[in-house]
C-alpha cells in the first residue's frame, strides 16, 4: 500500500516535482555523456620533441659511415648533368664565394653555412667553396665538421651537388658546392 502512495498524484512531493519540471521536455536519449575538459597538450613535451629534432639534425648522417681524413666526398642530386659534375670535380667552374669553417663548433658551423648558402643564392652565386678542414686537430683525428657538412648539404634542396676540392683548393678539407638558381 505504501507503493501506491508514492505513485499517487496527490502526494505532496510528487506534486512539487511536477510543478518544478513543468514546461520542460524529456531528452531524446536515455544516456547523457558527462562534459569533460580535454587535457591541453603539455608544452614541455613539445619542447622535448623540438630539441630531439635539432639533435638529430646535428648527428652524423645515418646513410653513410663516418668519413676519415683522406676520404673524398662526392654527391649530386638526380638531374645534374654528368658534364657539369665533371667540371665541378675538376675545379673548372669559377668559385664565386668561399666560407671557412675552421675552428668553429658544430652549432656555429651550421648557422654560418646555412646563412652563407642563403646569402649566395640571393646574390645569384652558383658555385662556392666551403672549407671544413681535414680534422687534423680534432679529437681522435676524426673530421667532425666534414661529416656534418656532408650531411647538412645533402639535406638542403638548394644544393644541387658537391665534391671534394682539388689539392690546390684545399683537397679533402674543402668542398666545391653547386647551388640551385633562384
N, C-alpha and C. Protein backbone atom coordinates (compact mmCIF):
# COMPACT_ATOMS: atom_id res chain seq x y z
N UNK A 1 0.80 -1.17 0.00
CA UNK A 1 0.00 0.00 0.00
C UNK A 1 0.86 1.26 0.00
N UNK A 2 2.01 1.15 0.61
CA UNK A 2 2.92 2.28 0.62
C UNK A 2 3.37 2.61 -0.80
N UNK A 3 3.45 1.58 -1.66
CA UNK A 3 3.86 1.78 -3.05
C UNK A 3 2.85 2.64 -3.79
N UNK A 4 1.57 2.46 -3.50
CA UNK A 4 0.54 3.21 -4.20
C UNK A 4 0.58 4.69 -3.82
N UNK A 5 1.00 4.98 -2.58
CA UNK A 5 1.07 6.37 -2.15
C UNK A 5 2.15 7.12 -2.93
N UNK A 6 3.29 6.44 -3.25
CA UNK A 6 4.38 7.09 -3.98
C UNK A 6 3.94 7.45 -5.39
N UNK A 7 3.07 6.64 -5.99
CA UNK A 7 2.61 6.89 -7.35
C UNK A 7 1.37 7.78 -7.38
N UNK A 8 0.82 8.10 -6.26
CA UNK A 8 -0.39 8.91 -6.17
C UNK A 8 -0.07 10.35 -6.53
N UNK A 9 -0.78 10.91 -7.55
CA UNK A 9 -0.51 12.29 -7.96
C UNK A 9 -0.85 13.31 -6.89
N UNK A 10 -1.59 12.93 -5.91
CA UNK A 10 -1.94 13.87 -4.86
C UNK A 10 -0.85 13.98 -3.80
N UNK A 11 0.14 13.13 -3.86
CA UNK A 11 1.23 13.16 -2.90
C UNK A 11 1.94 14.51 -3.02
N UNK A 12 2.30 15.14 -1.90
CA UNK A 12 2.92 16.48 -1.90
C UNK A 12 4.24 16.51 -2.65
N UNK A 13 5.09 15.53 -2.46
CA UNK A 13 6.40 15.51 -3.13
C UNK A 13 6.25 15.39 -4.64
N UNK A 14 5.35 14.53 -5.07
CA UNK A 14 5.13 14.34 -6.49
C UNK A 14 4.57 15.62 -7.09
N UNK A 15 3.67 16.23 -6.37
CA UNK A 15 3.07 17.48 -6.82
C UNK A 15 4.12 18.58 -6.98
N UNK A 16 4.99 18.70 -6.00
CA UNK A 16 6.05 19.70 -6.06
C UNK A 16 7.01 19.44 -7.22
N UNK A 17 7.33 18.18 -7.42
CA UNK A 17 8.24 17.83 -8.52
C UNK A 17 7.63 18.19 -9.86
N UNK A 18 6.39 17.83 -10.08
CA UNK A 18 5.72 18.11 -11.36
C UNK A 18 5.62 19.62 -11.60
N UNK A 19 5.39 20.37 -10.54
CA UNK A 19 5.37 21.83 -10.68
C UNK A 19 6.75 22.36 -11.07
N UNK A 20 7.80 21.78 -10.51
CA UNK A 20 9.16 22.25 -10.77
C UNK A 20 9.60 21.96 -12.21
N UNK A 21 9.17 20.86 -12.79
CA UNK A 21 9.61 20.48 -14.13
C UNK A 21 8.60 20.81 -15.21
N UNK A 22 7.55 21.52 -14.86
CA UNK A 22 6.53 21.89 -15.83
C UNK A 22 7.19 22.77 -16.90
N UNK A 23 6.91 22.52 -18.16
CA UNK A 23 7.45 23.29 -19.27
C UNK A 23 8.75 22.73 -19.83
N UNK A 24 9.26 21.69 -19.24
CA UNK A 24 10.49 21.07 -19.76
C UNK A 24 10.15 19.90 -20.65
N UNK A 25 11.11 19.51 -21.50
CA UNK A 25 10.90 18.36 -22.37
C UNK A 25 11.85 17.24 -21.97
N UNK A 26 11.42 16.04 -22.22
CA UNK A 26 12.28 14.89 -21.97
C UNK A 26 13.38 14.84 -23.02
N UNK A 27 14.55 14.38 -22.62
CA UNK A 27 15.65 14.19 -23.56
C UNK A 27 15.34 13.00 -24.46
N UNK A 28 15.79 13.09 -25.72
CA UNK A 28 15.53 12.01 -26.66
C UNK A 28 16.33 10.76 -26.33
N UNK A 29 17.49 10.94 -25.78
CA UNK A 29 18.33 9.79 -25.46
C UNK A 29 18.27 9.51 -23.96
N UNK A 30 18.49 8.28 -23.64
CA UNK A 30 18.42 7.92 -22.23
C UNK A 30 19.78 8.03 -21.55
N UNK A 31 20.84 8.07 -22.36
CA UNK A 31 22.17 8.20 -21.76
C UNK A 31 22.75 9.56 -22.11
N UNK A 32 23.22 10.25 -21.14
CA UNK A 32 23.83 11.56 -21.33
C UNK A 32 25.30 11.44 -20.96
N UNK A 33 26.16 11.84 -21.92
CA UNK A 33 27.59 11.78 -21.65
C UNK A 33 27.98 13.00 -20.83
N UNK A 34 28.72 12.78 -19.77
CA UNK A 34 29.12 13.92 -18.94
C UNK A 34 30.15 14.78 -19.68
N UNK A 35 30.13 16.09 -19.45
CA UNK A 35 31.09 17.00 -20.05
C UNK A 35 32.42 16.83 -19.34
N UNK A 36 33.46 16.67 -20.13
CA UNK A 36 34.80 16.54 -19.55
C UNK A 36 35.73 17.52 -20.24
N UNK A 37 36.50 18.21 -19.45
CA UNK A 37 37.51 19.10 -20.02
C UNK A 37 38.60 18.26 -20.67
N UNK A 38 38.93 18.61 -21.89
CA UNK A 38 40.03 17.90 -22.55
C UNK A 38 41.34 18.45 -22.01
N UNK A 39 42.28 17.55 -21.84
CA UNK A 39 43.58 17.97 -21.36
C UNK A 39 44.32 18.70 -22.48
N UNK A 40 44.92 19.82 -22.15
CA UNK A 40 45.70 20.56 -23.13
C UNK A 40 47.06 19.89 -23.27
N UNK A 41 47.66 19.95 -24.48
CA UNK A 41 48.97 19.35 -24.65
C UNK A 41 49.99 20.00 -23.72
N UNK A 42 50.85 19.17 -23.21
CA UNK A 42 51.86 19.66 -22.29
C UNK A 42 52.98 20.32 -23.10
N UNK A 43 53.23 21.61 -22.89
CA UNK A 43 54.26 22.29 -23.67
C UNK A 43 55.64 21.67 -23.49
N UNK A 44 55.91 21.09 -22.34
CA UNK A 44 57.24 20.52 -22.13
C UNK A 44 57.51 19.38 -23.11
N UNK A 45 56.48 18.63 -23.49
CA UNK A 45 56.68 17.56 -24.46
C UNK A 45 57.00 18.14 -25.83
N UNK A 46 56.32 19.22 -26.19
CA UNK A 46 56.62 19.88 -27.46
C UNK A 46 58.06 20.35 -27.49
N UNK A 47 58.52 20.91 -26.38
CA UNK A 47 59.90 21.38 -26.30
C UNK A 47 60.87 20.21 -26.42
N UNK A 48 60.54 19.08 -25.79
CA UNK A 48 61.40 17.90 -25.90
C UNK A 48 61.46 17.41 -27.34
N UNK A 49 60.31 17.42 -28.02
CA UNK A 49 60.27 16.99 -29.42
C UNK A 49 61.13 17.89 -30.30
N UNK A 50 61.01 19.20 -30.09
CA UNK A 50 61.80 20.14 -30.88
C UNK A 50 63.29 19.95 -30.63
N UNK A 51 63.65 19.74 -29.37
CA UNK A 51 65.06 19.53 -29.02
C UNK A 51 65.58 18.26 -29.68
N UNK A 52 64.77 17.20 -29.69
CA UNK A 52 65.17 15.94 -30.31
C UNK A 52 65.40 16.12 -31.81
N UNK A 53 64.54 16.88 -32.47
CA UNK A 53 64.70 17.13 -33.90
C UNK A 53 66.00 17.87 -34.17
N UNK A 54 66.29 18.87 -33.36
CA UNK A 54 67.54 19.63 -33.53
C UNK A 54 68.74 18.73 -33.31
N UNK A 55 68.70 17.89 -32.27
CA UNK A 55 69.82 16.99 -32.01
C UNK A 55 70.02 16.00 -33.16
N UNK A 56 68.90 15.51 -33.73
CA UNK A 56 69.02 14.56 -34.84
C UNK A 56 69.64 15.20 -36.07
N UNK A 57 69.36 16.48 -36.30
CA UNK A 57 69.95 17.14 -37.47
C UNK A 57 71.43 17.39 -37.28
N UNK A 58 71.88 17.43 -36.04
CA UNK A 58 73.29 17.68 -35.79
C UNK A 58 74.11 16.40 -35.66
N UNK A 59 73.45 15.24 -35.67
CA UNK A 59 74.16 13.97 -35.59
C UNK A 59 74.74 13.60 -36.95
N UNK A 60 75.77 12.73 -36.97
CA UNK A 60 76.29 12.27 -38.26
C UNK A 60 75.20 11.56 -39.06
N UNK A 61 75.30 11.66 -40.36
CA UNK A 61 74.28 11.09 -41.25
C UNK A 61 74.17 9.58 -41.08
N UNK A 62 72.95 9.04 -40.99
CA UNK A 62 72.78 7.60 -40.82
C UNK A 62 73.04 6.83 -42.10
N UNK A 63 72.97 7.50 -43.26
CA UNK A 63 73.07 6.79 -44.52
C UNK A 63 74.50 6.56 -44.97
N UNK A 64 75.48 7.16 -44.31
CA UNK A 64 76.85 6.85 -44.68
C UNK A 64 77.72 6.79 -43.45
N UNK A 65 78.76 6.01 -43.55
CA UNK A 65 79.63 5.80 -42.41
C UNK A 65 80.42 7.07 -42.12
N UNK A 66 80.99 7.13 -40.94
CA UNK A 66 81.82 8.26 -40.58
C UNK A 66 83.01 8.32 -41.53
N UNK A 67 83.24 9.50 -42.04
CA UNK A 67 84.33 9.69 -43.00
C UNK A 67 85.66 9.84 -42.29
N UNK A 68 86.69 9.36 -42.93
CA UNK A 68 88.05 9.51 -42.42
C UNK A 68 88.67 10.76 -43.04
N UNK A 69 89.87 11.10 -42.58
CA UNK A 69 90.54 12.31 -43.06
C UNK A 69 90.75 12.32 -44.56
N UNK A 70 91.17 11.23 -45.15
CA UNK A 70 91.51 11.22 -46.57
C UNK A 70 90.36 10.91 -47.49
N UNK A 71 89.17 10.63 -46.95
CA UNK A 71 88.04 10.25 -47.78
C UNK A 71 87.56 11.42 -48.64
N UNK A 72 87.28 11.10 -49.90
CA UNK A 72 86.78 12.10 -50.83
C UNK A 72 85.25 12.10 -50.79
N UNK A 73 84.67 13.28 -50.87
CA UNK A 73 83.21 13.41 -50.88
C UNK A 73 82.75 13.73 -52.29
N UNK A 74 81.65 13.12 -52.68
CA UNK A 74 81.01 13.46 -53.96
C UNK A 74 79.52 13.16 -53.83
N UNK A 75 78.71 14.11 -54.29
CA UNK A 75 77.26 13.97 -54.20
C UNK A 75 76.62 14.82 -55.28
N UNK A 76 75.58 14.29 -55.90
CA UNK A 76 74.78 15.10 -56.82
C UNK A 76 73.34 14.62 -56.78
N UNK A 77 72.44 15.56 -56.90
CA UNK A 77 71.01 15.23 -56.97
C UNK A 77 70.72 14.69 -58.36
N UNK A 78 69.62 13.95 -58.47
CA UNK A 78 69.25 13.47 -59.79
C UNK A 78 68.92 14.68 -60.67
N UNK A 79 69.32 14.61 -61.91
CA UNK A 79 69.07 15.71 -62.83
C UNK A 79 70.30 16.55 -63.10
N UNK A 80 71.33 16.43 -62.27
CA UNK A 80 72.57 17.17 -62.52
C UNK A 80 73.33 16.43 -63.62
N UNK A 81 73.64 17.13 -64.69
CA UNK A 81 74.29 16.50 -65.84
C UNK A 81 75.71 16.06 -65.49
N UNK A 82 76.13 14.98 -66.14
CA UNK A 82 77.46 14.42 -65.88
C UNK A 82 78.57 15.40 -66.24
N UNK A 83 78.38 16.14 -67.35
CA UNK A 83 79.44 17.08 -67.74
C UNK A 83 79.57 18.23 -66.73
N UNK A 84 78.47 18.65 -66.11
CA UNK A 84 78.52 19.68 -65.07
C UNK A 84 79.24 19.12 -63.85
N UNK A 85 78.94 17.88 -63.50
CA UNK A 85 79.59 17.24 -62.36
C UNK A 85 81.09 17.07 -62.63
N UNK A 86 81.43 16.71 -63.84
CA UNK A 86 82.84 16.54 -64.22
C UNK A 86 83.59 17.86 -64.08
N UNK A 87 82.98 18.95 -64.55
CA UNK A 87 83.60 20.27 -64.43
C UNK A 87 83.75 20.68 -62.96
N UNK A 88 82.75 20.36 -62.16
CA UNK A 88 82.81 20.69 -60.73
C UNK A 88 83.97 19.94 -60.08
N UNK A 89 84.10 18.65 -60.36
CA UNK A 89 85.18 17.84 -59.77
C UNK A 89 86.56 18.30 -60.22
N UNK A 90 86.67 18.77 -61.44
CA UNK A 90 87.96 19.22 -61.96
C UNK A 90 88.29 20.65 -61.54
N UNK A 91 87.35 21.31 -60.87
CA UNK A 91 87.59 22.68 -60.46
C UNK A 91 87.50 23.66 -61.61
N UNK A 92 86.75 23.30 -62.65
CA UNK A 92 86.65 24.13 -63.84
C UNK A 92 85.52 25.16 -63.78
N UNK A 93 84.68 25.08 -62.77
CA UNK A 93 83.64 26.09 -62.58
C UNK A 93 84.22 27.19 -61.69
N UNK A 94 83.96 28.43 -62.03
CA UNK A 94 84.57 29.52 -61.26
C UNK A 94 83.93 29.62 -59.87
N UNK A 95 84.80 29.68 -58.88
CA UNK A 95 84.36 29.80 -57.49
C UNK A 95 84.04 31.28 -57.24
N UNK A 96 82.78 31.54 -56.89
CA UNK A 96 82.33 32.93 -56.73
C UNK A 96 82.32 33.40 -55.28
N UNK A 97 82.39 32.46 -54.34
CA UNK A 97 82.41 32.82 -52.92
C UNK A 97 83.02 31.67 -52.13
N UNK A 98 83.47 31.99 -50.91
CA UNK A 98 84.15 30.98 -50.09
C UNK A 98 83.77 31.17 -48.63
N UNK A 99 83.65 30.06 -47.92
CA UNK A 99 83.36 30.08 -46.48
C UNK A 99 84.34 29.16 -45.78
N UNK A 100 84.99 29.66 -44.73
CA UNK A 100 85.94 28.87 -43.95
C UNK A 100 85.33 28.56 -42.59
N UNK A 101 85.15 27.27 -42.31
CA UNK A 101 84.52 26.83 -41.06
C UNK A 101 85.54 26.36 -40.02
N UNK A 102 86.83 26.51 -40.31
CA UNK A 102 87.87 26.09 -39.36
C UNK A 102 87.60 26.62 -37.96
N UNK A 103 87.84 25.78 -36.98
CA UNK A 103 87.79 26.14 -35.57
C UNK A 103 86.41 26.55 -35.04
N UNK A 104 85.36 26.32 -35.82
CA UNK A 104 84.01 26.62 -35.33
C UNK A 104 83.42 25.38 -34.67
N UNK A 105 82.51 25.59 -33.72
CA UNK A 105 81.78 24.46 -33.15
C UNK A 105 80.76 23.99 -34.18
N UNK A 106 80.18 22.85 -33.96
CA UNK A 106 79.17 22.32 -34.88
C UNK A 106 77.99 23.28 -35.02
N UNK A 107 77.52 23.82 -33.90
CA UNK A 107 76.39 24.75 -33.94
C UNK A 107 76.74 26.01 -34.72
N UNK A 108 77.92 26.55 -34.45
CA UNK A 108 78.35 27.76 -35.16
C UNK A 108 78.50 27.47 -36.66
N UNK A 109 79.09 26.32 -36.97
CA UNK A 109 79.32 25.96 -38.38
C UNK A 109 77.99 25.80 -39.11
N UNK A 110 77.01 25.19 -38.47
CA UNK A 110 75.70 25.01 -39.09
C UNK A 110 75.07 26.36 -39.43
N UNK A 111 75.08 27.26 -38.46
CA UNK A 111 74.50 28.59 -38.66
C UNK A 111 75.23 29.35 -39.76
N UNK A 112 76.56 29.33 -39.71
CA UNK A 112 77.36 30.04 -40.72
C UNK A 112 77.11 29.48 -42.12
N UNK A 113 77.08 28.15 -42.21
CA UNK A 113 76.89 27.51 -43.52
C UNK A 113 75.51 27.82 -44.08
N UNK A 114 74.50 27.72 -43.25
CA UNK A 114 73.14 27.98 -43.71
C UNK A 114 73.00 29.44 -44.18
N UNK A 115 73.52 30.37 -43.38
CA UNK A 115 73.47 31.78 -43.76
C UNK A 115 74.24 32.04 -45.06
N UNK A 116 75.39 31.41 -45.19
CA UNK A 116 76.23 31.57 -46.38
C UNK A 116 75.50 31.09 -47.63
N UNK A 117 74.89 29.91 -47.56
CA UNK A 117 74.18 29.35 -48.72
C UNK A 117 73.02 30.27 -49.12
N UNK A 118 72.25 30.71 -48.14
CA UNK A 118 71.11 31.60 -48.42
C UNK A 118 71.59 32.91 -49.03
N UNK A 119 72.64 33.48 -48.46
CA UNK A 119 73.18 34.75 -48.96
C UNK A 119 73.68 34.59 -50.40
N UNK A 120 74.37 33.50 -50.68
CA UNK A 120 74.88 33.25 -52.03
C UNK A 120 73.73 33.11 -53.03
N UNK A 121 72.70 32.41 -52.65
CA UNK A 121 71.57 32.26 -53.57
C UNK A 121 70.91 33.59 -53.86
N UNK A 122 70.76 34.42 -52.86
CA UNK A 122 70.15 35.74 -53.07
C UNK A 122 70.98 36.60 -54.02
N UNK A 123 72.30 36.37 -53.99
CA UNK A 123 73.21 37.14 -54.86
C UNK A 123 73.43 36.43 -56.20
N UNK A 124 72.66 35.38 -56.45
CA UNK A 124 72.73 34.59 -57.70
C UNK A 124 74.11 33.96 -57.91
N UNK A 125 74.74 33.57 -56.82
CA UNK A 125 76.03 32.87 -56.88
C UNK A 125 75.73 31.38 -57.00
N UNK A 126 76.37 30.72 -57.94
CA UNK A 126 76.08 29.31 -58.22
C UNK A 126 77.12 28.34 -57.67
N UNK A 127 78.40 28.73 -57.69
CA UNK A 127 79.45 27.80 -57.29
C UNK A 127 80.29 28.41 -56.17
N UNK A 128 80.40 27.68 -55.06
CA UNK A 128 81.13 28.19 -53.90
C UNK A 128 82.09 27.11 -53.37
N UNK A 129 83.04 27.57 -52.56
CA UNK A 129 83.94 26.63 -51.88
C UNK A 129 83.67 26.75 -50.38
N UNK A 130 83.51 25.59 -49.74
CA UNK A 130 83.31 25.53 -48.29
C UNK A 130 84.50 24.78 -47.71
N UNK A 131 85.24 25.44 -46.84
CA UNK A 131 86.40 24.81 -46.21
C UNK A 131 85.98 24.31 -44.83
N UNK A 132 85.96 22.99 -44.67
CA UNK A 132 85.56 22.40 -43.39
C UNK A 132 86.75 21.91 -42.60
N UNK A 133 87.88 21.79 -43.23
CA UNK A 133 89.09 21.30 -42.57
C UNK A 133 89.21 19.79 -42.70
N UNK A 134 90.42 19.31 -42.44
CA UNK A 134 90.69 17.88 -42.58
C UNK A 134 90.51 17.13 -41.27
N UNK A 135 90.36 17.83 -40.18
CA UNK A 135 90.16 17.18 -38.89
C UNK A 135 91.45 16.81 -38.20
N UNK A 136 92.56 17.41 -38.61
CA UNK A 136 93.85 17.07 -38.01
C UNK A 136 93.93 17.44 -36.54
N UNK A 137 93.23 18.48 -36.13
CA UNK A 137 93.28 18.87 -34.72
C UNK A 137 92.04 18.42 -33.96
N UNK A 138 91.23 17.57 -34.58
CA UNK A 138 90.04 17.04 -33.90
C UNK A 138 90.42 15.91 -32.96
N UNK A 139 89.52 15.67 -32.02
CA UNK A 139 89.71 14.55 -31.10
C UNK A 139 89.71 13.26 -31.91
N UNK A 140 90.64 12.40 -31.68
CA UNK A 140 90.79 11.11 -32.37
C UNK A 140 91.03 11.26 -33.87
N UNK A 141 91.43 12.46 -34.29
CA UNK A 141 91.74 12.72 -35.70
C UNK A 141 90.56 12.43 -36.63
N UNK A 142 89.34 12.54 -36.12
CA UNK A 142 88.14 12.32 -36.93
C UNK A 142 87.62 13.69 -37.38
N UNK A 143 87.40 13.87 -38.68
CA UNK A 143 86.94 15.17 -39.19
C UNK A 143 85.45 15.40 -38.90
N UNK A 144 85.17 15.99 -37.76
CA UNK A 144 83.80 16.19 -37.29
C UNK A 144 83.01 17.07 -38.26
N UNK A 145 83.56 18.23 -38.59
CA UNK A 145 82.82 19.15 -39.47
C UNK A 145 82.64 18.57 -40.87
N UNK A 146 83.61 17.81 -41.34
CA UNK A 146 83.49 17.20 -42.67
C UNK A 146 82.26 16.30 -42.71
N UNK A 147 82.08 15.49 -41.69
CA UNK A 147 80.92 14.59 -41.62
C UNK A 147 79.62 15.37 -41.53
N UNK A 148 79.61 16.41 -40.71
CA UNK A 148 78.37 17.17 -40.53
C UNK A 148 78.03 17.99 -41.77
N UNK A 149 79.02 18.63 -42.37
CA UNK A 149 78.78 19.41 -43.59
C UNK A 149 78.25 18.50 -44.69
N UNK A 150 78.80 17.30 -44.79
CA UNK A 150 78.32 16.30 -45.76
C UNK A 150 76.83 16.04 -45.56
N UNK A 151 76.43 15.84 -44.32
CA UNK A 151 75.02 15.57 -44.03
C UNK A 151 74.14 16.79 -44.30
N UNK A 152 74.56 17.95 -43.82
CA UNK A 152 73.76 19.16 -43.97
C UNK A 152 73.52 19.50 -45.43
N UNK A 153 74.57 19.45 -46.23
CA UNK A 153 74.42 19.82 -47.65
C UNK A 153 73.48 18.86 -48.38
N UNK A 154 73.50 17.59 -48.03
CA UNK A 154 72.61 16.61 -48.66
C UNK A 154 71.14 16.90 -48.32
N UNK A 155 70.90 17.49 -47.16
CA UNK A 155 69.53 17.74 -46.71
C UNK A 155 68.91 18.98 -47.34
N UNK A 156 69.71 19.91 -47.79
CA UNK A 156 69.19 21.18 -48.30
C UNK A 156 68.88 21.06 -49.77
N UNK A 157 67.63 21.37 -50.12
CA UNK A 157 67.17 21.27 -51.51
C UNK A 157 67.88 22.24 -52.45
N UNK A 158 68.37 23.35 -51.92
CA UNK A 158 69.01 24.33 -52.78
C UNK A 158 70.46 23.99 -53.13
N UNK A 159 70.95 22.84 -52.65
CA UNK A 159 72.28 22.35 -53.01
C UNK A 159 72.10 21.26 -54.06
N UNK A 160 72.62 21.50 -55.26
CA UNK A 160 72.49 20.52 -56.34
C UNK A 160 73.56 19.45 -56.28
N UNK A 161 74.79 19.86 -55.98
CA UNK A 161 75.90 18.90 -55.97
C UNK A 161 77.05 19.47 -55.15
N UNK A 162 77.93 18.56 -54.72
CA UNK A 162 79.18 18.99 -54.09
C UNK A 162 80.19 17.86 -54.22
N UNK A 163 81.45 18.24 -54.13
CA UNK A 163 82.54 17.25 -54.19
C UNK A 163 83.77 17.83 -53.51
N UNK A 164 84.69 16.95 -53.14
CA UNK A 164 85.93 17.40 -52.54
C UNK A 164 86.69 18.27 -53.54
N UNK A 165 87.36 19.27 -53.01
CA UNK A 165 88.08 20.23 -53.86
C UNK A 165 89.39 19.61 -54.37
N UNK A 166 89.96 20.25 -55.38
CA UNK A 166 91.27 19.86 -55.90
C UNK A 166 92.31 20.16 -54.83
N UNK A 167 93.47 19.53 -54.94
CA UNK A 167 94.52 19.66 -53.93
C UNK A 167 94.89 21.12 -53.66
N UNK A 168 95.04 21.91 -54.70
CA UNK A 168 95.45 23.32 -54.52
C UNK A 168 94.34 24.21 -53.98
N UNK A 169 93.09 23.70 -53.92
CA UNK A 169 91.96 24.45 -53.36
C UNK A 169 91.54 23.95 -51.98
N UNK A 170 92.33 23.06 -51.40
CA UNK A 170 92.02 22.56 -50.06
C UNK A 170 91.87 21.06 -49.99
N UNK A 171 91.85 20.39 -51.12
CA UNK A 171 91.77 18.93 -51.15
C UNK A 171 90.59 18.39 -50.38
N UNK A 172 90.85 17.36 -49.57
CA UNK A 172 89.78 16.71 -48.81
C UNK A 172 89.32 17.54 -47.60
N UNK A 173 89.89 18.71 -47.43
CA UNK A 173 89.46 19.61 -46.35
C UNK A 173 88.53 20.70 -46.84
N UNK A 174 88.11 20.61 -48.12
CA UNK A 174 87.22 21.63 -48.68
C UNK A 174 86.30 21.00 -49.70
N UNK A 175 85.23 21.70 -50.01
CA UNK A 175 84.25 21.21 -50.98
C UNK A 175 83.94 22.29 -52.00
N UNK A 176 83.71 21.86 -53.24
CA UNK A 176 83.09 22.71 -54.24
C UNK A 176 81.59 22.42 -54.13
N UNK A 177 80.78 23.45 -54.06
CA UNK A 177 79.33 23.27 -53.90
C UNK A 177 78.61 24.01 -55.02
N UNK A 178 77.72 23.29 -55.70
CA UNK A 178 76.92 23.87 -56.78
C UNK A 178 75.52 24.13 -56.24
N UNK A 179 75.07 25.39 -56.36
CA UNK A 179 73.77 25.79 -55.83
C UNK A 179 72.73 25.92 -56.93
N UNK A 180 71.48 25.75 -56.55
CA UNK A 180 70.35 25.93 -57.47
C UNK A 180 70.22 27.39 -57.84
N UNK A 181 69.73 27.63 -59.04
CA UNK A 181 69.40 29.01 -59.42
C UNK A 181 68.13 29.42 -58.70
N UNK A 182 68.07 30.68 -58.31
CA UNK A 182 66.85 31.18 -57.66
C UNK A 182 65.90 31.73 -58.66
